[in-house]
N, C-alpha and C. Protein backbone atom coordinates (compact mmCIF):
# COMPACT_ATOMS: atom_id res chain seq x y z
N MET A 1 137.94 97.82 106.17
CA MET A 1 136.79 96.94 106.17
C MET A 1 136.40 96.57 107.61
N GLU A 2 137.37 96.29 108.44
CA GLU A 2 137.09 95.89 109.81
C GLU A 2 136.53 97.05 110.63
N VAL A 3 137.00 98.25 110.37
CA VAL A 3 136.53 99.41 111.12
C VAL A 3 135.07 99.70 110.81
N SER A 4 134.66 99.58 109.54
CA SER A 4 133.28 99.87 109.19
C SER A 4 132.32 98.85 109.79
N THR A 5 132.71 97.58 109.85
CA THR A 5 131.82 96.59 110.48
C THR A 5 131.74 96.81 111.97
N THR A 6 132.83 97.27 112.60
CA THR A 6 132.81 97.55 114.03
C THR A 6 131.89 98.74 114.32
N LEU A 7 131.98 99.78 113.51
CA LEU A 7 131.11 100.94 113.69
C LEU A 7 129.65 100.57 113.44
N GLN A 8 129.42 99.73 112.46
CA GLN A 8 128.05 99.29 112.19
C GLN A 8 127.51 98.47 113.35
N SER A 9 128.37 97.66 113.96
CA SER A 9 127.95 96.87 115.11
C SER A 9 127.60 97.77 116.29
N TYR A 10 128.42 98.78 116.55
CA TYR A 10 128.12 99.72 117.63
C TYR A 10 126.85 100.50 117.35
N GLY A 11 126.62 100.87 116.10
CA GLY A 11 125.42 101.61 115.73
C GLY A 11 124.17 100.79 115.96
N SER A 12 124.20 99.52 115.60
CA SER A 12 123.02 98.68 115.80
C SER A 12 122.81 98.38 117.28
N ARG A 13 123.89 98.27 118.05
CA ARG A 13 123.74 98.09 119.50
C ARG A 13 123.13 99.33 120.14
N ALA A 14 123.59 100.50 119.73
CA ALA A 14 123.04 101.74 120.27
C ALA A 14 121.56 101.88 119.90
N GLN A 15 121.22 101.50 118.69
CA GLN A 15 119.83 101.56 118.27
C GLN A 15 118.98 100.58 119.09
N GLY A 16 119.52 99.42 119.36
CA GLY A 16 118.81 98.44 120.18
C GLY A 16 118.58 98.94 121.59
N TRP A 17 119.61 99.56 122.18
CA TRP A 17 119.47 100.11 123.53
C TRP A 17 118.46 101.25 123.55
N CYS A 18 118.43 102.05 122.48
CA CYS A 18 117.44 103.14 122.40
C CYS A 18 116.02 102.56 122.37
N PHE A 19 115.82 101.49 121.62
CA PHE A 19 114.50 100.85 121.58
C PHE A 19 114.11 100.28 122.94
N ILE A 20 115.07 99.67 123.63
CA ILE A 20 114.79 99.12 124.95
C ILE A 20 114.43 100.23 125.92
N MET A 21 115.17 101.32 125.90
CA MET A 21 114.89 102.43 126.81
C MET A 21 113.54 103.08 126.49
N LEU A 22 113.23 103.26 125.22
CA LEU A 22 111.95 103.84 124.82
C LEU A 22 110.79 102.95 125.25
N GLY A 23 110.94 101.65 125.06
CA GLY A 23 109.90 100.72 125.50
C GLY A 23 109.73 100.70 127.00
N SER A 24 110.83 100.77 127.73
CA SER A 24 110.76 100.80 129.20
C SER A 24 110.09 102.08 129.69
N MET A 25 110.43 103.21 129.09
CA MET A 25 109.82 104.47 129.50
C MET A 25 108.32 104.48 129.16
N SER A 26 107.95 103.92 128.02
CA SER A 26 106.53 103.83 127.66
C SER A 26 105.78 102.95 128.64
N PHE A 27 106.39 101.81 129.01
CA PHE A 27 105.75 100.91 129.97
C PHE A 27 105.57 101.59 131.32
N LEU A 28 106.60 102.27 131.79
CA LEU A 28 106.48 102.95 133.09
C LEU A 28 105.46 104.08 133.04
N GLY A 29 105.38 104.77 131.92
CA GLY A 29 104.36 105.82 131.77
C GLY A 29 102.96 105.25 131.78
N PHE A 30 102.76 104.12 131.09
CA PHE A 30 101.46 103.47 131.11
C PHE A 30 101.13 102.97 132.51
N LEU A 31 102.11 102.38 133.17
CA LEU A 31 101.89 101.85 134.51
C LEU A 31 101.47 102.95 135.47
N SER A 32 102.14 104.08 135.40
CA SER A 32 101.78 105.18 136.30
C SER A 32 100.42 105.76 135.94
N ALA A 33 100.10 105.80 134.65
CA ALA A 33 98.81 106.36 134.25
C ALA A 33 97.66 105.42 134.59
N ALA A 34 97.87 104.12 134.43
CA ALA A 34 96.76 103.19 134.62
C ALA A 34 96.57 102.74 136.05
N ILE A 35 97.63 102.59 136.80
CA ILE A 35 97.51 102.01 138.14
C ILE A 35 97.77 103.03 139.24
N VAL A 36 98.89 103.73 139.17
CA VAL A 36 99.27 104.63 140.25
C VAL A 36 98.33 105.82 140.34
N SER A 37 97.78 106.26 139.22
CA SER A 37 96.90 107.44 139.25
C SER A 37 95.63 107.19 140.04
N ARG A 38 95.25 105.95 140.21
CA ARG A 38 94.04 105.64 140.99
C ARG A 38 94.23 105.92 142.48
N PHE A 39 95.47 105.84 142.94
CA PHE A 39 95.74 106.02 144.37
C PHE A 39 96.12 107.45 144.73
N LEU A 40 96.27 108.32 143.75
CA LEU A 40 96.60 109.71 144.01
C LEU A 40 95.35 110.48 144.40
N PRO A 41 95.49 111.56 145.15
CA PRO A 41 94.30 112.35 145.51
C PRO A 41 93.71 113.03 144.27
N VAL A 42 92.44 113.34 144.36
CA VAL A 42 91.73 113.99 143.25
C VAL A 42 92.31 115.39 143.06
N SER A 43 92.55 115.75 141.80
CA SER A 43 93.11 117.06 141.50
C SER A 43 92.15 117.83 140.61
N GLU A 44 92.51 119.06 140.29
CA GLU A 44 91.69 119.90 139.43
C GLU A 44 92.08 119.78 137.96
N ASN A 45 93.12 119.02 137.67
CA ASN A 45 93.59 118.85 136.31
C ASN A 45 92.64 117.92 135.55
N HIS A 46 92.14 118.39 134.39
CA HIS A 46 91.17 117.62 133.63
C HIS A 46 91.78 116.35 133.04
N ILE A 47 93.04 116.41 132.66
CA ILE A 47 93.70 115.22 132.10
C ILE A 47 93.89 114.16 133.18
N ALA A 48 94.28 114.58 134.37
CA ALA A 48 94.45 113.62 135.48
C ALA A 48 93.11 113.01 135.86
N ILE A 49 92.04 113.77 135.82
CA ILE A 49 90.71 113.24 136.12
C ILE A 49 90.29 112.23 135.06
N ALA A 50 90.56 112.53 133.79
CA ALA A 50 90.20 111.61 132.72
C ALA A 50 90.98 110.30 132.83
N ILE A 51 92.26 110.38 133.16
CA ILE A 51 93.07 109.16 133.33
C ILE A 51 92.58 108.37 134.54
N ARG A 52 92.23 109.05 135.58
CA ARG A 52 91.76 108.37 136.80
C ARG A 52 90.44 107.65 136.56
N ASN A 53 89.55 108.21 135.76
CA ASN A 53 88.24 107.62 135.52
C ASN A 53 88.21 106.68 134.32
N ASP A 54 89.32 106.50 133.65
CA ASP A 54 89.36 105.67 132.45
C ASP A 54 89.37 104.19 132.81
N ARG A 55 88.63 103.39 132.06
CA ARG A 55 88.61 101.95 132.28
C ARG A 55 89.17 101.18 131.09
N TYR A 56 89.39 101.83 129.98
CA TYR A 56 89.83 101.15 128.77
C TYR A 56 91.21 100.54 128.93
N TYR A 57 92.20 101.31 129.36
CA TYR A 57 93.57 100.83 129.42
C TYR A 57 93.80 99.83 130.56
N CYS A 58 92.96 99.85 131.57
CA CYS A 58 93.10 98.87 132.64
C CYS A 58 92.76 97.47 132.15
N PHE A 59 91.87 97.37 131.16
CA PHE A 59 91.50 96.08 130.60
C PHE A 59 92.28 95.74 129.34
N LEU A 60 92.93 96.72 128.73
CA LEU A 60 93.61 96.49 127.46
C LEU A 60 94.79 95.53 127.60
N VAL A 61 95.65 95.73 128.57
CA VAL A 61 96.84 94.88 128.71
C VAL A 61 96.48 93.45 129.07
N PRO A 62 95.63 93.18 130.06
CA PRO A 62 95.30 91.78 130.34
C PRO A 62 94.62 91.07 129.16
N LEU A 63 93.82 91.78 128.40
CA LEU A 63 93.17 91.15 127.26
C LEU A 63 94.09 91.02 126.06
N THR A 64 95.18 91.75 126.02
CA THR A 64 96.13 91.66 124.92
C THR A 64 97.12 90.51 125.13
N LEU A 65 97.35 90.10 126.36
CA LEU A 65 98.32 89.03 126.64
C LEU A 65 98.05 87.73 125.90
N PRO A 66 96.81 87.21 125.82
CA PRO A 66 96.60 85.98 125.04
C PRO A 66 96.93 86.13 123.57
N ILE A 67 96.66 87.29 123.00
CA ILE A 67 96.97 87.54 121.60
C ILE A 67 98.47 87.57 121.39
N ILE A 68 99.21 88.15 122.33
CA ILE A 68 100.66 88.18 122.24
C ILE A 68 101.23 86.76 122.30
N ILE A 69 100.68 85.93 123.17
CA ILE A 69 101.15 84.55 123.28
C ILE A 69 100.92 83.80 121.97
N VAL A 70 99.76 83.97 121.35
CA VAL A 70 99.48 83.32 120.07
C VAL A 70 100.41 83.85 118.99
N ALA A 71 100.66 85.15 118.97
CA ALA A 71 101.55 85.73 117.96
C ALA A 71 102.98 85.22 118.12
N VAL A 72 103.45 85.11 119.35
CA VAL A 72 104.81 84.60 119.59
C VAL A 72 104.89 83.14 119.16
N TYR A 73 103.86 82.36 119.44
CA TYR A 73 103.86 80.95 119.01
C TYR A 73 103.92 80.85 117.50
N PHE A 74 103.10 81.63 116.79
CA PHE A 74 103.11 81.56 115.33
C PHE A 74 104.44 82.06 114.76
N HIS A 75 105.08 83.02 115.41
CA HIS A 75 106.39 83.46 114.97
C HIS A 75 107.41 82.34 115.13
N TRP A 76 107.39 81.66 116.26
CA TRP A 76 108.29 80.53 116.49
C TRP A 76 108.03 79.43 115.48
N LEU A 77 106.76 79.12 115.22
CA LEU A 77 106.40 78.07 114.27
C LEU A 77 106.86 78.41 112.86
N SER A 78 106.69 79.65 112.44
CA SER A 78 107.13 80.03 111.10
C SER A 78 108.66 79.98 110.98
N MET A 79 109.37 80.35 112.04
CA MET A 79 110.83 80.24 112.00
C MET A 79 111.26 78.78 111.91
N LYS A 80 110.57 77.86 112.59
CA LYS A 80 110.89 76.44 112.50
C LYS A 80 110.64 75.93 111.08
N PHE A 81 109.52 76.33 110.48
CA PHE A 81 109.24 75.92 109.10
C PHE A 81 110.29 76.45 108.15
N PHE A 82 110.70 77.70 108.34
CA PHE A 82 111.72 78.28 107.47
C PHE A 82 113.06 77.60 107.66
N LYS A 83 113.41 77.29 108.89
CA LYS A 83 114.71 76.70 109.19
C LYS A 83 114.81 75.27 108.65
N HIS A 84 113.74 74.51 108.72
CA HIS A 84 113.77 73.10 108.33
C HIS A 84 113.18 72.85 106.96
N ALA A 85 112.91 73.88 106.19
CA ALA A 85 112.35 73.69 104.84
C ALA A 85 113.40 73.26 103.84
């Protein structure tokens, strides 16, 4: 019984680390595509040109931050209601 709970604990920790690494790699990829690509020299690659001229993702993250703050607040509020109900 103790061995299975230990293995389950290690499995969930490994899954958590995988999610953290995937999120970090996605963030760094977005950061390089949205910000760093503007400072690179112009190339002949059509995808690099499209990323360089794109304005959608540069405004997406700053405009998403207020929504994230509201969502986190409502999550905290619902947990308080559940805990003290």
